[in-house]
C-alpha atoms as a PDB file:
ATOM      1  CA  UNK A   1     111.326 186.225   4.175  1.00  0.00           C
ATOM      2  CA  UNK A   2     115.007 185.851   5.037  1.00  0.00           C
ATOM      3  CA  UNK A   3     117.324 183.984   3.563  1.00  0.00           C
ATOM      4  CA  UNK A   4     118.446 180.498   4.687  1.00  0.00           C
ATOM      5  CA  UNK A   5     122.042 180.133   5.812  1.00  0.00           C
ATOM      6  CA  UNK A   6     123.190 177.893   4.788  1.00  0.00           C
ATOM      7  CA  UNK A   7     121.064 177.662   1.805  1.00  0.00           C
ATOM      8  CA  UNK A   8     118.894 174.765   1.429  1.00  0.00           C
ATOM      9  CA  UNK A   9     119.781 173.991   5.354  1.00  0.00           C
ATOM     10  CA  UNK A  10     115.647 173.453   5.942  1.00  0.00           C
ATOM     11  CA  UNK A  11     115.501 171.165   2.874  1.00  0.00           C
ATOM     12  CA  UNK A  12     118.590 169.111   4.393  1.00  0.00           C
ATOM     13  CA  UNK A  13     116.902 168.893   7.797  1.00  0.00           C
ATOM     14  CA  UNK A  14     113.702 167.404   6.077  1.00  0.00           C
ATOM     15  CA  UNK A  15     115.653 164.841   4.244  1.00  0.00           C
ATOM     16  CA  UNK A  16     117.437 163.589   7.225  1.00  0.00           C
ATOM     17  CA  UNK A  17     114.602 163.516   9.235  1.00  0.00           C
ATOM     18  CA  UNK A  18     113.101 161.294   6.472  1.00  0.00           C
ATOM     19  CA  UNK A  19     115.997 159.048   6.080  1.00  0.00           C
ATOM     20  CA  UNK A  20     115.415 158.187   9.890  1.00  0.00           C
ATOM     21  CA  UNK A  21     111.762 158.081   9.901  1.00  0.00           C
ATOM     22  CA  UNK A  22     112.100 153.927   9.023  1.00  0.00           C
ATOM     23  CA  UNK A  23     113.120 153.522  12.514  1.00  0.00           C
ATOM     24  CA  UNK A  24     109.556 154.862  14.022  1.00  0.00           C
ATOM     25  CA  UNK A  25     107.290 152.914  11.528  1.00  0.00           C
ATOM     26  CA  UNK A  26     105.258 150.284  13.197  1.00  0.00           C
ATOM     27  CA  UNK A  27     105.479 147.677  10.312  1.00  0.00           C
ATOM     28  CA  UNK A  28     108.851 147.174   8.162  1.00  0.00           C
ATOM     29  CA  UNK A  29     108.709 146.068   4.812  1.00  0.00           C
ATOM     30  CA  UNK A  30     109.279 142.572   4.733  1.00  0.00           C
ATOM     31  CA  UNK A  31     111.244 143.090   1.387  1.00  0.00           C
ATOM     32  CA  UNK A  32     113.788 145.163   3.126  1.00  0.00           C
ATOM     33  CA  UNK A  33     113.818 142.758   6.219  1.00  0.00           C
ATOM     34  CA  UNK A  34     114.384 139.815   4.340  1.00  0.00           C
ATOM     35  CA  UNK A  35     117.389 141.789   2.539  1.00  0.00           C
ATOM     36  CA  UNK A  36     118.922 142.691   5.909  1.00  0.00           C
ATOM     37  CA  UNK A  37     118.508 139.393   7.105  1.00  0.00           C
ATOM     38  CA  UNK A  38     120.410 138.090   3.940  1.00  0.00           C
ATOM     39  CA  UNK A  39     123.149 140.139   4.329  1.00  0.00           C
ATOM     40  CA  UNK A  40     123.530 139.489   8.083  1.00  0.00           C
ATOM     41  CA  UNK A  41     123.594 135.531   7.299  1.00  0.00           C
ATOM     42  CA  UNK A  42     126.380 136.192   4.728  1.00  0.00           C
ATOM     43  CA  UNK A  43     128.111 138.136   7.508  1.00  0.00           C
ATOM     44  CA  UNK A  44     127.896 135.610   9.745  1.00  0.00           C
ATOM     45  CA  UNK A  45     129.361 132.810   7.248  1.00  0.00           C
ATOM     46  CA  UNK A  46     132.080 135.400   6.475  1.00  0.00           C
ATOM     47  CA  UNK A  47     133.040 136.207   9.865  1.00  0.00           C
ATOM     48  CA  UNK A  48     132.766 132.895  11.813  1.00  0.00           C
ATOM     49  CA  UNK A  49     132.264 130.380   9.161  1.00  0.00           C
ATOM     50  CA  UNK A  50     128.749 129.331  10.606  1.00  0.00           C
ATOM     51  CA  UNK A  51     125.637 129.806   9.523  1.00  0.00           C
ATOM     52  CA  UNK A  52     122.792 132.071  11.851  1.00  0.00           C
ATOM     53  CA  UNK A  53     121.096 130.004  14.742  1.00  0.00           C
ATOM     54  CA  UNK A  54     119.219 130.776  17.861  1.00  0.00           C
ATOM     55  CA  UNK A  55     118.348 127.337  19.122  1.00  0.00           C
ATOM     56  CA  UNK A  56     121.777 126.185  20.443  1.00  0.00           C
ATOM     57  CA  UNK A  57     122.104 129.829  22.557  1.00  0.00           C
ATOM     58  CA  UNK A  58     119.279 128.453  24.561  1.00  0.00           C
ATOM     59  CA  UNK A  59     120.740 125.099  24.928  1.00  0.00           C
ATOM     60  CA  UNK A  60     124.217 126.930  25.973  1.00  0.00           C
ATOM     61  CA  UNK A  61     122.051 129.250  28.558  1.00  0.00           C
ATOM     62  CA  UNK A  62     120.631 126.110  30.249  1.00  0.00           C
ATOM     63  CA  UNK A  63     124.158 124.781  30.430  1.00  0.00           C
ATOM     64  CA  UNK A  64     125.230 127.551  31.847  1.00  0.00           C
ATOM     65  CA  UNK A  65     122.194 127.698  34.504  1.00  0.00           C
ATOM     66  CA  UNK A  66     123.051 123.919  35.302  1.00  0.00           C
ATOM     67  CA  UNK A  67     126.841 124.764  35.696  1.00  0.00           C
ATOM     68  CA  UNK A  68     126.147 127.799  38.172  1.00  0.00           C
ATOM     69  CA  UNK A  69     123.913 125.156  40.453  1.00  0.00           C
ATOM     70  CA  UNK A  70     125.898 122.093  39.823  1.00  0.00           C
ATOM     71  CA  UNK A  71     129.219 123.032  39.199  1.00  0.00           C
ATOM     72  CA  UNK A  72     132.208 122.212  36.666  1.00  0.00           C
ATOM     73  CA  UNK A  73     130.828 118.522  36.121  1.00  0.00           C
ATOM     74  CA  UNK A  74     128.127 119.716  33.755  1.00  0.00           C
ATOM     75  CA  UNK A  75     131.488 119.821  31.356  1.00  0.00           C
ATOM     76  CA  UNK A  76     131.579 116.281  31.606  1.00  0.00           C
ATOM     77  CA  UNK A  77     128.257 115.757  29.558  1.00  0.00           C
ATOM     78  CA  UNK A  78     128.536 114.817  26.138  1.00  0.00           C
ATOM     79  CA  UNK A  79     125.980 117.512  25.268  1.00  0.00           C
ATOM     80  CA  UNK A  80     127.887 120.519  26.427  1.00  0.00           C
ATOM     81  CA  UNK A  81     131.241 119.036  25.139  1.00  0.00           C
ATOM     82  CA  UNK A  82     129.681 119.544  21.919  1.00  0.00           C
ATOM     83  CA  UNK A  83     127.663 123.063  22.526  1.00  0.00           C
ATOM     84  CA  UNK A  84     130.056 124.324  25.525  1.00  0.00           C
ATOM     85  CA  UNK A  85     127.845 126.251  28.269  1.00  0.00           C
ATOM     86  CA  UNK A  86     129.317 129.622  27.528  1.00  0.00           C
ATOM     87  CA  UNK A  87     128.209 132.813  25.671  1.00  0.00           C
ATOM     88  CA  UNK A  88     129.282 133.001  22.036  1.00  0.00           C
ATOM     89  CA  UNK A  89     128.210 135.065  19.252  1.00  0.00           C
ATOM     90  CA  UNK A  90     124.877 133.234  18.792  1.00  0.00           C
ATOM     91  CA  UNK A  91     124.110 133.910  22.383  1.00  0.00           C
ATOM     92  CA  UNK A  92     124.823 137.422  21.572  1.00  0.00           C
ATOM     93  CA  UNK A  93     122.509 137.227  18.520  1.00  0.00           C
ATOM     94  CA  UNK A  94     119.699 136.282  20.507  1.00  0.00           C
ATOM     95  CA  UNK A  95     120.305 139.278  23.251  1.00  0.00           C
ATOM     96  CA  UNK A  96     120.282 141.464  20.111  1.00  0.00           C
ATOM     97  CA  UNK A  97     117.004 140.592  18.642  1.00  0.00           C
ATOM     98  CA  UNK A  98     115.503 141.077  22.008  1.00  0.00           C
ATOM     99  CA  UNK A  99     117.025 144.327  22.756  1.00  0.00           C
ATOM    100  CA  UNK A 100     116.089 145.349  18.608  1.00  0.00           C
ATOM    101  CA  UNK A 101     112.436 144.375  19.122  1.00  0.00           C
ATOM    102  CA  UNK A 102     112.415 146.401  22.325  1.00  0.00           C
ATOM    103  CA  UNK A 103     114.111 149.567  20.764  1.00  0.00           C
ATOM    104  CA  UNK A 104     111.674 149.097  17.436  1.00  0.00           C
ATOM    105  CA  UNK A 105     108.830 148.728  19.744  1.00  0.00           C
ATOM    106  CA  UNK A 106     109.491 151.768  21.612  1.00  0.00           C
ATOM    107  CA  UNK A 107     110.633 153.944  19.068  1.00  0.00           C
ATOM    108  CA  UNK A 108     107.429 153.181  17.265  1.00  0.00           C
ATOM    109  CA  UNK A 109     105.158 153.675  20.034  1.00  0.00           C
ATOM    110  CA  UNK A 110     103.652 150.461  19.880  1.00  0.00           C
ATOM    111  CA  UNK A 111     105.455 148.983  23.440  1.00  0.00           C
ATOM    112  CA  UNK A 112     103.267 147.513  25.711  1.00  0.00           C
ATOM    113  CA  UNK A 113     102.367 144.502  27.922  1.00  0.00           C
ATOM    114  CA  UNK A 114      99.769 142.423  26.943  1.00  0.00           C
ATOM    115  CA  UNK A 115      99.047 139.384  28.854  1.00  0.00           C
ATOM    116  CA  UNK A 116      95.945 138.143  26.759  1.00  0.00           C
ATOM    117  CA  UNK A 117      96.288 139.285  23.038  1.00  0.00           C
ATOM    118  CA  UNK A 118      92.832 140.221  21.718  1.00  0.00           C
ATOM    119  CA  UNK A 119      92.287 137.185  19.315  1.00  0.00           C
ATOM    120  CA  UNK A 120      93.453 134.868  21.787  1.00  0.00           C
ATOM    121  CA  UNK A 121      90.696 136.566  24.190  1.00  0.00           C
ATOM    122  CA  UNK A 122      88.050 136.215  21.888  1.00  0.00           C
ATOM    123  CA  UNK A 123      88.488 132.350  21.056  1.00  0.00           C
ATOM    124  CA  UNK A 124      90.122 131.168  24.538  1.00  0.00           C
ATOM    125  CA  UNK A 125      88.656 134.121  27.187  1.00  0.00           C
ATOM    126  CA  UNK A 126      90.560 136.483  29.468  1.00  0.00           C
ATOM    127  CA  UNK A 127      92.497 133.769  31.376  1.00  0.00           C
ATOM    128  CA  UNK A 128      95.935 135.021  31.692  1.00  0.00           C
ATOM    129  CA  UNK A 129      97.238 131.623  32.941  1.00  0.00           C
ATOM    130  CA  UNK A 130      95.760 129.400  30.353  1.00  0.00           C
ATOM    131  CA  UNK A 131      97.477 131.690  27.743  1.00  0.00           C
ATOM    132  CA  UNK A 132     100.851 131.420  29.642  1.00  0.00           C
ATOM    133  CA  UNK A 133     100.234 127.444  30.105  1.00  0.00           C
ATOM    134  CA  UNK A 134      99.426 127.298  26.418  1.00  0.00           C
ATOM    135  CA  UNK A 135     102.348 129.302  25.679  1.00  0.00           C
ATOM    136  CA  UNK A 136     104.995 127.593  27.736  1.00  0.00           C
ATOM    137  CA  UNK A 137     103.970 124.047  26.575  1.00  0.00           C
ATOM    138  CA  UNK A 138     104.086 125.521  22.623  1.00  0.00           C
ATOM    139  CA  UNK A 139     107.904 126.844  23.488  1.00  0.00           C
ATOM    140  CA  UNK A 140     108.824 123.801  25.101  1.00  0.00           C
ATOM    141  CA  UNK A 141     107.661 121.564  22.109  1.00  0.00           C
ATOM    142  CA  UNK A 142     109.372 124.171  19.533  1.00  0.00           C
ATOM    143  CA  UNK A 143     112.689 123.841  21.763  1.00  0.00           C
ATOM    144  CA  UNK A 144     112.718 119.993  21.577  1.00  0.00           C
ATOM    145  CA  UNK A 145     111.670 120.356  18.021  1.00  0.00           C
ATOM    146  CA  UNK A 146     114.656 122.417  17.252  1.00  0.00           C
ATOM    147  CA  UNK A 147     117.273 120.353  18.613  1.00  0.00           C
ATOM    148  CA  UNK A 148     115.972 117.259  17.687  1.00  0.00           C
ATOM    149  CA  UNK A 149     116.088 118.582  14.294  1.00  0.00           C
ATOM    150  CA  UNK A 150     119.347 120.081  14.724  1.00  0.00           C
ATOM    151  CA  UNK A 151     118.221 123.662  13.822  1.00  0.00           C
ATOM    152  CA  UNK A 152     115.369 126.233  14.420  1.00  0.00           C
ATOM    153  CA  UNK A 153     113.690 128.241  12.249  1.00  0.00           C
ATOM    154  CA  UNK A 154     116.582 130.712  11.774  1.00  0.00           C
ATOM    155  CA  UNK A 155     119.330 127.769  11.502  1.00  0.00           C
ATOM    156  CA  UNK A 156     117.048 125.555   8.812  1.00  0.00           C
ATOM    157  CA  UNK A 157     114.495 127.929   7.836  1.00  0.00           C
ATOM    158  CA  UNK A 158     117.373 130.802   7.050  1.00  0.00           C
ATOM    159  CA  UNK A 159     120.536 129.802   6.966  1.00  0.00           C
ATOM    160  CA  UNK A 160     119.832 126.201   5.580  1.00  0.00           C
ATOM    161  CA  UNK A 161     117.387 126.917   2.882  1.00  0.00           C
ATOM    162  CA  UNK A 162     120.064 129.870   1.797  1.00  0.00           C
ATOM    163  CA  UNK A 163     122.697 127.295   1.331  1.00  0.00           C
ATOM    164  CA  UNK A 164     119.918 124.905  -0.404  1.00  0.00           C
ATOM    165  CA  UNK A 165     120.250 121.737   2.055  1.00  0.00           C
ATOM    166  CA  UNK A 166     117.648 119.540   1.276  1.00  0.00           C
ATOM    167  CA  UNK A 167     116.837 118.724   4.671  1.00  0.00           C
ATOM    168  CA  UNK A 168     116.479 122.600   5.951  1.00  0.00           C
ATOM    169  CA  UNK A 169     113.753 122.984   2.849  1.00  0.00           C
ATOM    170  CA  UNK A 170     112.424 120.073   4.407  1.00  0.00           C
ATOM    171  CA  UNK A 171     112.238 121.234   7.775  1.00  0.00           C
ATOM    172  CA  UNK A 172     111.356 124.745   6.733  1.00  0.00           C
ATOM    173  CA  UNK A 173     108.194 123.359   4.910  1.00  0.00           C
ATOM    174  CA  UNK A 174     107.307 121.107   8.292  1.00  0.00           C
ATOM    175  CA  UNK A 175     107.253 124.561  10.001  1.00  0.00           C
ATOM    176  CA  UNK A 176     104.794 125.912   8.335  1.00  0.00           C
ATOM    177  CA  UNK A 177     102.618 122.610   8.096  1.00  0.00           C
ATOM    178  CA  UNK A 178     103.015 122.047  11.821  1.00  0.00           C
ATOM    179  CA  UNK A 179     102.418 125.961  12.555  1.00  0.00           C
ATOM    180  CA  UNK A 180      98.840 125.712  10.376  1.00  0.00           C
ATOM    181  CA  UNK A 181      98.103 122.510  11.671  1.00  0.00           C
ATOM    182  CA  UNK A 182      98.496 123.640  15.287  1.00  0.00           C
ATOM    183  CA  UNK A 183      96.579 126.899  14.685  1.00  0.00           C
ATOM    184  CA  UNK A 184      93.809 124.730  13.270  1.00  0.00           C
ATOM    185  CA  UNK A 185      94.043 122.254  16.177  1.00  0.00           C
ATOM    186  CA  UNK A 186      94.072 125.215  18.704  1.00  0.00           C
ATOM    187  CA  UNK A 187      91.450 127.647  17.385  1.00  0.00           C
ATOM    188  CA  UNK A 188      88.858 125.426  15.527  1.00  0.00           C
ATOM    189  CA  UNK A 189      88.754 122.087  17.618  1.00  0.00           C
ATOM    190  CA  UNK A 190      89.991 122.807  21.048  1.00  0.00           C
ATOM    191  CA  UNK A 191      88.712 126.349  21.731  1.00  0.00           C
END
């Protein structure tokens, strides 16, 4: 048997491989992810003095699209004076979530395009159009609700609860109650 050079190099390579294994896991530990989101929230507060949130980025995007179509008169609207239609760190956070999800799915070899998930197919059939219509309506309702509540699940559910804001705790409880009620309505009554 030939001696290894440098000594322990095979063992070090194995350790390095194990350290990077988490990037290819299909599911991550919810505890580790929760800690990561908490640390990210702290960093956001320290660097920007603002909480994490995503729904404002979608409102800004609609303003940017409207600005492209109708010009600078969009900036005269009171809503867009408060939330300027521009790319900011929250907007980049949403881009990061999309890119990160894609990279995670690709590295774990679970990426795939699925127009109709199996659970939905078993309950509602194979129609991609119905699935897309329901998803679109749900997304619009969630978006309107997030703007009406002054924040989304990240803004209220993560940042607000971390600050012990009563309104955020009420919003987070409402998210869960509404999600459970909606799932029961869709899967037990409508389908």
